[in-house]
Amino acid sequence: MAGAPIPPRSGPLALLHTSPTHVPVFDALRDEAHPGLELRHLVDEELLARARREGPEAVADDVRSLLAGAVADGARVVLCTCSTIGAVAERADAGVPVLRVDRPMAAAAVAAGPRVVVLATVTSTLEPTVALVEEEARRAGRPVDVRTALVEDAWSLFEAGDTDGCARAVADAADAVTDADAIVLAQASMTAAQPFTTTSVPVLSSPRPGLAAAAEAVRAAHAVHAG
């Protein structure tokens, strides 16, 4: 369902990706639910590679530089679609709102119940996602018990271009989860697994709610500028 209309000349939303595969996903979501929203895609695969090797803080300066460039090019809002570096991006003083794509998903997981299972295909995403879910639980004043699972070999399938194989591996891992109120797919790249899952536990992914939050932020930024 489409949100409120995006005002004309509202300024673009910049998206910071660490994989080019996210570009058509977010373009399709925009076309479906947020017509008129101008997207500008920034893709830097090396950010994730280095964050996995050295930790997310190792790329903080590069992230700040990319955000500064996006703002200089006119971005009113920036959405970081990489969960591994999302916290780094969110903390950057960019002069415009910087959102992480997985925050609305984390809030939805907390609202579903206290037993949350986080699935990831790269180890570097687990700790930031757990921290985010726990942060949202504190914000909501709700208890939460977060468990994690790494979907072995799924990332190698994704990197090899076998996105269907990756999706099915993630779906199998989700279907194996027991005693959970919500299953969080920690990375935007895992979203394709949702149609393959058969579990009755809600399986949550980040692109759709994340883009909706960013579109709302663009509308709010336009209202402030127009006022």
C-alpha atoms as a PDB file:
ATOM      1  CA  MET A   1       0.000   0.000   0.000  1.00  0.00           C
ATOM      2  CA  ALA A   2       1.380   3.400  -0.942  1.00  0.00           C
ATOM      3  CA  GLY A   3       2.108   5.945   1.737  1.00  0.00           C
ATOM      4  CA  ALA A   4       1.261   9.645   1.593  1.00  0.00           C
ATOM      5  CA  PRO A   5       2.344  11.313  -1.637  1.00  0.00           C
ATOM      6  CA  ILE A   6       5.940  12.441  -1.776  1.00  0.00           C
ATOM      7  CA  PRO A   7       5.984  16.226  -2.244  1.00  0.00           C
ATOM      8  CA  PRO A   8       7.460  17.470  -5.521  1.00  0.00           C
ATOM      9  CA  ARG A   9      11.015  18.759  -5.237  1.00  0.00           C
ATOM     10  CA  SER A  10      11.236  17.149  -1.792  1.00  0.00           C
ATOM     11  CA  GLY A  11      14.891  16.241  -2.339  1.00  0.00           C
ATOM     12  CA  PRO A  12      16.273  12.779  -2.931  1.00  0.00           C
ATOM     13  CA  LEU A  13      16.688   9.901  -0.535  1.00  0.00           C
ATOM     14  CA  ALA A  14      20.220   8.505  -0.719  1.00  0.00           C
ATOM     15  CA  LEU A  15      20.666   4.796  -0.028  1.00  0.00           C
ATOM     16  CA  LEU A  16      24.028   3.462   1.115  1.00  0.00           C
ATOM     17  CA  HIS A  17      24.447  -0.166   0.005  1.00  0.00           C
ATOM     18  CA  THR A  18      27.263  -2.677   0.340  1.00  0.00           C
ATOM     19  CA  SER A  19      25.915  -4.849  -2.493  1.00  0.00           C
ATOM     20  CA  PRO A  20      24.611  -3.814  -5.923  1.00  0.00           C
ATOM     21  CA  THR A  21      21.894  -6.465  -5.662  1.00  0.00           C
ATOM     22  CA  HIS A  22      19.968  -4.144  -3.320  1.00  0.00           C
ATOM     23  CA  VAL A  23      19.467  -1.471  -5.972  1.00  0.00           C
ATOM     24  CA  PRO A  24      16.643  -3.195  -7.941  1.00  0.00           C
ATOM     25  CA  VAL A  25      15.024  -4.396  -4.690  1.00  0.00           C
ATOM     26  CA  PHE A  26      14.615  -0.875  -3.342  1.00  0.00           C
ATOM     27  CA  ASP A  27      13.699   0.540  -6.748  1.00  0.00           C
ATOM     28  CA  ALA A  28      10.870  -2.005  -6.968  1.00  0.00           C
ATOM     29  CA  LEU A  29       9.654  -1.202  -3.450  1.00  0.00           C
ATOM     30  CA  ARG A  30       9.711   2.502  -4.295  1.00  0.00           C
ATOM     31  CA  ASP A  31       7.702   1.947  -7.457  1.00  0.00           C
ATOM     32  CA  GLU A  32       5.175  -0.170  -5.567  1.00  0.00           C
ATOM     33  CA  ALA A  33       4.675   1.860  -2.405  1.00  0.00           C
ATOM     34  CA  HIS A  34       6.320   5.288  -2.719  1.00  0.00           C
ATOM     35  CA  PRO A  35       5.871   6.652  -6.250  1.00  0.00           C
ATOM     36  CA  GLY A  36       7.556   9.987  -6.682  1.00  0.00           C
ATOM     37  CA  LEU A  37      10.297   9.256  -4.158  1.00  0.00           C
ATOM     38  CA  GLU A  38      13.642  10.020  -5.799  1.00  0.00           C
ATOM     39  CA  LEU A  39      16.317   7.480  -4.880  1.00  0.00           C
ATOM     40  CA  ARG A  40      20.054   7.882  -5.296  1.00  0.00           C
ATOM     41  CA  HIS A  41      22.029   4.694  -4.772  1.00  0.00           C
ATOM     42  CA  LEU A  42      25.553   4.643  -3.350  1.00  0.00           C
ATOM     43  CA  VAL A  43      27.213   1.217  -3.559  1.00  0.00           C
ATOM     44  CA  ASP A  44      30.512   0.389  -1.855  1.00  0.00           C
ATOM     45  CA  GLU A  45      31.120  -3.345  -1.469  1.00  0.00           C
ATOM     46  CA  GLU A  46      34.493  -2.801   0.174  1.00  0.00           C
ATOM     47  CA  LEU A  47      32.837  -1.278   3.246  1.00  0.00           C
ATOM     48  CA  LEU A  48      31.312  -4.617   4.220  1.00  0.00           C
ATOM     49  CA  ALA A  49      34.424  -6.577   3.313  1.00  0.00           C
ATOM     50  CA  ARG A  50      36.568  -4.383   5.571  1.00  0.00           C
ATOM     51  CA  ALA A  51      33.975  -4.249   8.344  1.00  0.00           C
ATOM     52  CA  ARG A  52      33.914  -8.051   8.374  1.00  0.00           C
ATOM     53  CA  ARG A  53      37.706  -8.222   8.608  1.00  0.00           C
ATOM     54  CA  GLU A  54      38.376  -5.373  11.014  1.00  0.00           C
ATOM     55  CA  GLY A  55      35.067  -4.478  12.665  1.00  0.00           C
ATOM     56  CA  PRO A  56      32.452  -1.836  11.772  1.00  0.00           C
ATOM     57  CA  GLU A  57      34.344   1.032  13.403  1.00  0.00           C
ATOM     58  CA  ALA A  58      37.171   0.513  10.898  1.00  0.00           C
ATOM     59  CA  VAL A  59      34.994   1.986   8.153  1.00  0.00           C
ATOM     60  CA  ALA A  60      33.524   4.878  10.162  1.00  0.00           C
ATOM     61  CA  ASP A  61      35.587   7.569   8.395  1.00  0.00           C
ATOM     62  CA  ASP A  62      34.712   6.213   4.951  1.00  0.00           C
ATOM     63  CA  VAL A  63      31.035   6.088   5.867  1.00  0.00           C
ATOM     64  CA  ARG A  64      31.131   9.700   7.049  1.00  0.00           C
ATOM     65  CA  SER A  65      32.790  10.740   3.784  1.00  0.00           C
ATOM     66  CA  LEU A  66      30.152   8.962   1.703  1.00  0.00           C
ATOM     67  CA  LEU A  67      27.352  10.545   3.737  1.00  0.00           C
ATOM     68  CA  ALA A  68      28.907  13.992   3.350  1.00  0.00           C
ATOM     69  CA  GLY A  69      29.061  13.475  -0.403  1.00  0.00           C
ATOM     70  CA  ALA A  70      25.425  12.404  -0.517  1.00  0.00           C
ATOM     71  CA  VAL A  71      24.347  15.475   1.419  1.00  0.00           C
ATOM     72  CA  ALA A  72      26.447  17.724  -0.819  1.00  0.00           C
ATOM     73  CA  ASP A  73      24.593  16.196  -3.780  1.00  0.00           C
ATOM     74  CA  GLY A  74      21.267  17.220  -2.252  1.00  0.00           C
ATOM     75  CA  ALA A  75      20.123  14.254  -0.168  1.00  0.00           C
ATOM     76  CA  ARG A  76      17.605  15.216   2.509  1.00  0.00           C
ATOM     77  CA  VAL A  77      17.731  11.776   4.169  1.00  0.00           C
ATOM     78  CA  VAL A  78      20.119   8.816   3.976  1.00  0.00           C
ATOM     79  CA  LEU A  79      19.117   5.174   4.485  1.00  0.00           C
ATOM     80  CA  CYS A  80      21.880   2.665   5.240  1.00  0.00           C
ATOM     81  CA  THR A  81      20.804  -0.759   4.004  1.00  0.00           C
ATOM     82  CA  CYS A  82      23.748  -2.698   5.479  1.00  0.00           C
ATOM     83  CA  SER A  83      23.079  -4.038   8.971  1.00  0.00           C
ATOM     84  CA  THR A  84      26.764  -4.537   9.747  1.00  0.00           C
ATOM     85  CA  ILE A  85      27.580  -0.834   9.374  1.00  0.00           C
ATOM     86  CA  GLY A  86      24.124   0.549  10.214  1.00  0.00           C
ATOM     87  CA  ALA A  87      25.060   1.722  13.697  1.00  0.00           C
ATOM     88  CA  VAL A  88      28.176   3.467  12.368  1.00  0.00           C
ATOM     89  CA  ALA A  89      26.104   5.301   9.757  1.00  0.00           C
ATOM     90  CA  GLU A  90      23.391   6.219  12.234  1.00  0.00           C
ATOM     91  CA  ARG A  91      25.927   7.828  14.602  1.00  0.00           C
ATOM     92  CA  ALA A  92      27.534   9.928  11.871  1.00  0.00           C
ATOM     93  CA  ASP A  93      26.903  13.666  12.115  1.00  0.00           C
ATOM     94  CA  ALA A  94      25.793  14.107   8.514  1.00  0.00           C
ATOM     95  CA  GLY A  95      23.584  17.158   8.919  1.00  0.00           C
ATOM     96  CA  VAL A  96      20.526  15.227   7.702  1.00  0.00           C
ATOM     97  CA  PRO A  97      18.643  12.256   9.169  1.00  0.00           C
ATOM     98  CA  VAL A  98      20.572   8.993   8.684  1.00  0.00           C
ATOM     99  CA  LEU A  99      18.429   5.894   9.188  1.00  0.00           C
ATOM    100  CA  ARG A 100      19.367   2.240   9.398  1.00  0.00           C
ATOM    101  CA  VAL A 101      17.100   0.011   7.376  1.00  0.00           C
ATOM    102  CA  ASP A 102      16.711  -2.621  10.105  1.00  0.00           C
ATOM    103  CA  ARG A 103      15.434  -0.426  12.962  1.00  0.00           C
ATOM    104  CA  PRO A 104      11.704  -0.675  12.076  1.00  0.00           C
ATOM    105  CA  MET A 105      12.115  -4.449  11.706  1.00  0.00           C
ATOM    106  CA  ALA A 106      13.711  -4.659  15.157  1.00  0.00           C
ATOM    107  CA  ALA A 107      10.850  -2.673  16.665  1.00  0.00           C
ATOM    108  CA  ALA A 108       8.334  -5.031  15.037  1.00  0.00           C
ATOM    109  CA  ALA A 109      10.193  -8.049  16.424  1.00  0.00           C
ATOM    110  CA  VAL A 110      10.072  -6.645  19.950  1.00  0.00           C
ATOM    111  CA  ALA A 111       6.355  -5.941  19.578  1.00  0.00           C
ATOM    112  CA  ALA A 112       5.736  -9.560  18.507  1.00  0.00           C
ATOM    113  CA  GLY A 113       6.970 -10.991  21.797  1.00  0.00           C
ATOM    114  CA  PRO A 114      10.021 -11.501  24.006  1.00  0.00           C
ATOM    115  CA  ARG A 115      11.534 -14.502  22.189  1.00  0.00           C
ATOM    116  CA  VAL A 116      13.410 -13.174  19.162  1.00  0.00           C
ATOM    117  CA  VAL A 117      15.712 -15.235  16.946  1.00  0.00           C
ATOM    118  CA  VAL A 118      18.172 -13.372  14.733  1.00  0.00           C
ATOM    119  CA  LEU A 119      19.340 -15.181  11.597  1.00  0.00           C
ATOM    120  CA  ALA A 120      22.333 -13.925   9.622  1.00  0.00           C
ATOM    121  CA  THR A 121      24.539 -15.163   6.820  1.00  0.00           C
ATOM    122  CA  VAL A 122      27.648 -13.259   7.975  1.00  0.00           C
ATOM    123  CA  THR A 123      28.939 -13.267  11.541  1.00  0.00           C
ATOM    124  CA  SER A 124      29.632  -9.528  11.540  1.00  0.00           C
ATOM    125  CA  THR A 125      25.901  -8.789  11.381  1.00  0.00           C
ATOM    126  CA  LEU A 126      24.890 -10.767  14.465  1.00  0.00           C
ATOM    127  CA  GLU A 127      26.234  -8.487  17.201  1.00  0.00           C
ATOM    128  CA  PRO A 128      24.933  -5.205  15.691  1.00  0.00           C
ATOM    129  CA  THR A 129      21.492  -6.713  15.109  1.00  0.00           C
ATOM    130  CA  VAL A 130      21.241  -8.160  18.616  1.00  0.00           C
ATOM    131  CA  ALA A 131      22.252  -4.789  20.045  1.00  0.00           C
ATOM    132  CA  LEU A 132      19.589  -3.081  17.940  1.00  0.00           C
ATOM    133  CA  VAL A 133      16.820  -5.456  19.041  1.00  0.00           C
ATOM    134  CA  GLU A 134      17.820  -4.989  22.675  1.00  0.00           C
ATOM    135  CA  GLU A 135      17.865  -1.220  22.208  1.00  0.00           C
ATOM    136  CA  GLU A 136      14.362  -1.263  20.737  1.00  0.00           C
ATOM    137  CA  ALA A 137      13.192  -3.442  23.636  1.00  0.00           C
ATOM    138  CA  ARG A 138      14.512  -0.898  26.151  1.00  0.00           C
ATOM    139  CA  ARG A 139      12.866   1.905  24.207  1.00  0.00           C
ATOM    140  CA  ALA A 140       9.540   0.064  24.264  1.00  0.00           C
ATOM    141  CA  GLY A 141       9.907  -1.024  27.902  1.00  0.00           C
ATOM    142  CA  ARG A 142       9.506  -4.660  26.904  1.00  0.00           C
ATOM    143  CA  PRO A 143      11.491  -7.747  27.916  1.00  0.00           C
ATOM    144  CA  VAL A 144      13.426  -9.530  25.208  1.00  0.00           C
ATOM    145  CA  ASP A 145      15.445 -12.735  24.954  1.00  0.00           C
ATOM    146  CA  VAL A 146      17.502 -12.738  21.758  1.00  0.00           C
ATOM    147  CA  ARG A 147      19.029 -15.879  20.272  1.00  0.00           C
ATOM    148  CA  THR A 148      21.173 -16.006  17.177  1.00  0.00           C
ATOM    149  CA  ALA A 149      21.978 -18.442  14.411  1.00  0.00           C
ATOM    150  CA  LEU A 150      24.400 -18.210  11.524  1.00  0.00           C
ATOM    151  CA  VAL A 151      23.148 -19.777   8.289  1.00  0.00           C
ATOM    152  CA  GLU A 152      26.258 -21.654   7.254  1.00  0.00           C
ATOM    153  CA  ASP A 153      27.340 -21.391   3.598  1.00  0.00           C
ATOM    154  CA  ALA A 154      24.443 -19.117   2.619  1.00  0.00           C
ATOM    155  CA  TRP A 155      26.690 -16.082   2.103  1.00  0.00           C
ATOM    156  CA  SER A 156      29.002 -17.989  -0.226  1.00  0.00           C
ATOM    157  CA  LEU A 157      25.953 -18.883  -2.330  1.00  0.00           C
ATOM    158  CA  PHE A 158      24.904 -15.226  -2.382  1.00  0.00           C
ATOM    159  CA  GLU A 159      28.373 -14.060  -3.407  1.00  0.00           C
ATOM    160  CA  ALA A 160      28.430 -16.688  -6.169  1.00  0.00           C
ATOM    161  CA  GLY A 161      25.207 -15.261  -7.574  1.00  0.00           C
ATOM    162  CA  ASP A 162      23.021 -18.169  -6.434  1.00  0.00           C
ATOM    163  CA  THR A 163      20.454 -15.958  -4.754  1.00  0.00           C
ATOM    164  CA  ASP A 164      17.784 -18.664  -4.955  1.00  0.00           C
ATOM    165  CA  GLY A 165      20.044 -21.170  -3.209  1.00  0.00           C
ATOM    166  CA  CYS A 166      20.870 -18.602  -0.543  1.00  0.00           C
ATOM    167  CA  ALA A 167      17.191 -17.822  -0.030  1.00  0.00           C
ATOM    168  CA  ARG A 168      16.274 -21.471   0.344  1.00  0.00           C
ATOM    169  CA  ALA A 169      19.099 -22.064   2.846  1.00  0.00           C
ATOM    170  CA  VAL A 170      17.872 -19.139   4.925  1.00  0.00           C
ATOM    171  CA  ALA A 171      14.273 -20.367   4.689  1.00  0.00           C
ATOM    172  CA  ASP A 172      15.311 -23.818   5.888  1.00  0.00           C
ATOM    173  CA  ALA A 173      17.066 -22.237   8.870  1.00  0.00           C
ATOM    174  CA  ALA A 174      13.985 -20.156   9.680  1.00  0.00           C
ATOM    175  CA  ASP A 175      11.729 -23.191   9.479  1.00  0.00           C
ATOM    176  CA  ALA A 176      14.003 -25.004  11.946  1.00  0.00           C
ATOM    177  CA  VAL A 177      13.532 -22.336  14.625  1.00  0.00           C
ATOM    178  CA  THR A 178      11.429 -23.316  17.624  1.00  0.00           C
ATOM    179  CA  ASP A 179      10.181 -21.427  20.693  1.00  0.00           C
ATOM    180  CA  ALA A 180      10.231 -18.001  19.084  1.00  0.00           C
ATOM    181  CA  ASP A 181       7.798 -15.104  18.772  1.00  0.00           C
ATOM    182  CA  ALA A 182       9.617 -13.538  15.821  1.00  0.00           C
ATOM    183  CA  ILE A 183      12.436 -14.420  13.449  1.00  0.00           C
ATOM    184  CA  VAL A 184      14.588 -11.543  12.245  1.00  0.00           C
ATOM    185  CA  LEU A 185      16.390 -11.802   8.902  1.00  0.00           C
ATOM    186  CA  ALA A 186      19.317  -9.616   9.861  1.00  0.00           C
ATOM    187  CA  GLN A 187      20.437  -8.614   6.352  1.00  0.00           C
ATOM    188  CA  ALA A 188      18.482  -7.011   3.526  1.00  0.00           C
ATOM    189  CA  SER A 189      19.967  -9.670   1.227  1.00  0.00           C
ATOM    190  CA  MET A 190      18.006 -12.344   3.112  1.00  0.00           C
ATOM    191  CA  THR A 191      14.588 -10.912   2.224  1.00  0.00           C
ATOM    192  CA  ALA A 192      14.129 -13.283  -0.711  1.00  0.00           C
ATOM    193  CA  ALA A 193      13.849 -16.158   1.783  1.00  0.00           C
ATOM    194  CA  GLN A 194      10.469 -15.012   3.096  1.00  0.00           C
ATOM    195  CA  PRO A 195       8.317 -16.600   0.357  1.00  0.00           C
ATOM    196  CA  PHE A 196      10.029 -19.964   0.906  1.00  0.00           C
ATOM    197  CA  THR A 197       9.393 -20.186   4.650  1.00  0.00           C
ATOM    198  CA  THR A 198       6.630 -22.407   6.017  1.00  0.00           C
ATOM    199  CA  THR A 199       6.972 -21.671   9.735  1.00  0.00           C
ATOM    200  CA  SER A 200       4.039 -20.137  11.599  1.00  0.00           C
ATOM    201  CA  VAL A 201       6.449 -17.793  13.387  1.00  0.00           C
ATOM    202  CA  PRO A 202       6.519 -14.292  11.846  1.00  0.00           C
ATOM    203  CA  VAL A 203       9.623 -13.919   9.654  1.00  0.00           C
ATOM    204  CA  LEU A 204      10.621 -10.267   9.448  1.00  0.00           C
ATOM    205  CA  SER A 205      12.862  -8.538   6.912  1.00  0.00           C
ATOM    206  CA  SER A 206      14.059  -4.969   6.671  1.00  0.00           C
ATOM    207  CA  PRO A 207      13.706  -3.407   3.189  1.00  0.00           C
ATOM    208  CA  ARG A 208       9.972  -2.651   3.101  1.00  0.00           C
ATOM    209  CA  PRO A 209       9.565  -1.111   6.603  1.00  0.00           C
ATOM    210  CA  GLY A 210      12.974   0.531   6.348  1.00  0.00           C
ATOM    211  CA  LEU A 211      12.135   2.285   3.096  1.00  0.00           C
ATOM    212  CA  ALA A 212       8.745   3.327   4.490  1.00  0.00           C
ATOM    213  CA  ALA A 213      10.448   4.974   7.470  1.00  0.00           C
ATOM    214  CA  ALA A 214      12.892   6.746   5.168  1.00  0.00           C
ATOM    215  CA  ALA A 215      10.086   7.993   2.920  1.00  0.00           C
ATOM    216  CA  GLU A 216       8.331   9.412   5.975  1.00  0.00           C
ATOM    217  CA  ALA A 217      11.574  11.119   6.993  1.00  0.00           C
ATOM    218  CA  VAL A 218      11.812  12.696   3.523  1.00  0.00           C
ATOM    219  CA  ARG A 219       8.279  14.039   3.895  1.00  0.00           C
ATOM    220  CA  ALA A 220       9.118  15.438   7.335  1.00  0.00           C
ATOM    221  CA  ALA A 221      12.328  17.027   6.059  1.00  0.00           C
ATOM    222  CA  HIS A 222      10.414  18.638   3.196  1.00  0.00           C
ATOM    223  CA  ALA A 223       7.808  20.012   5.614  1.00  0.00           C
ATOM    224  CA  VAL A 224      10.509  21.574   7.781  1.00  0.00           C
ATOM    225  CA  HIS A 225      12.262  23.068   4.741  1.00  0.00           C
ATOM    226  CA  ALA A 226       9.021  24.345   3.260  1.00  0.00           C
ATOM    227  CA  GLY A 227       7.998  25.890   6.574  1.00  0.00           C
END
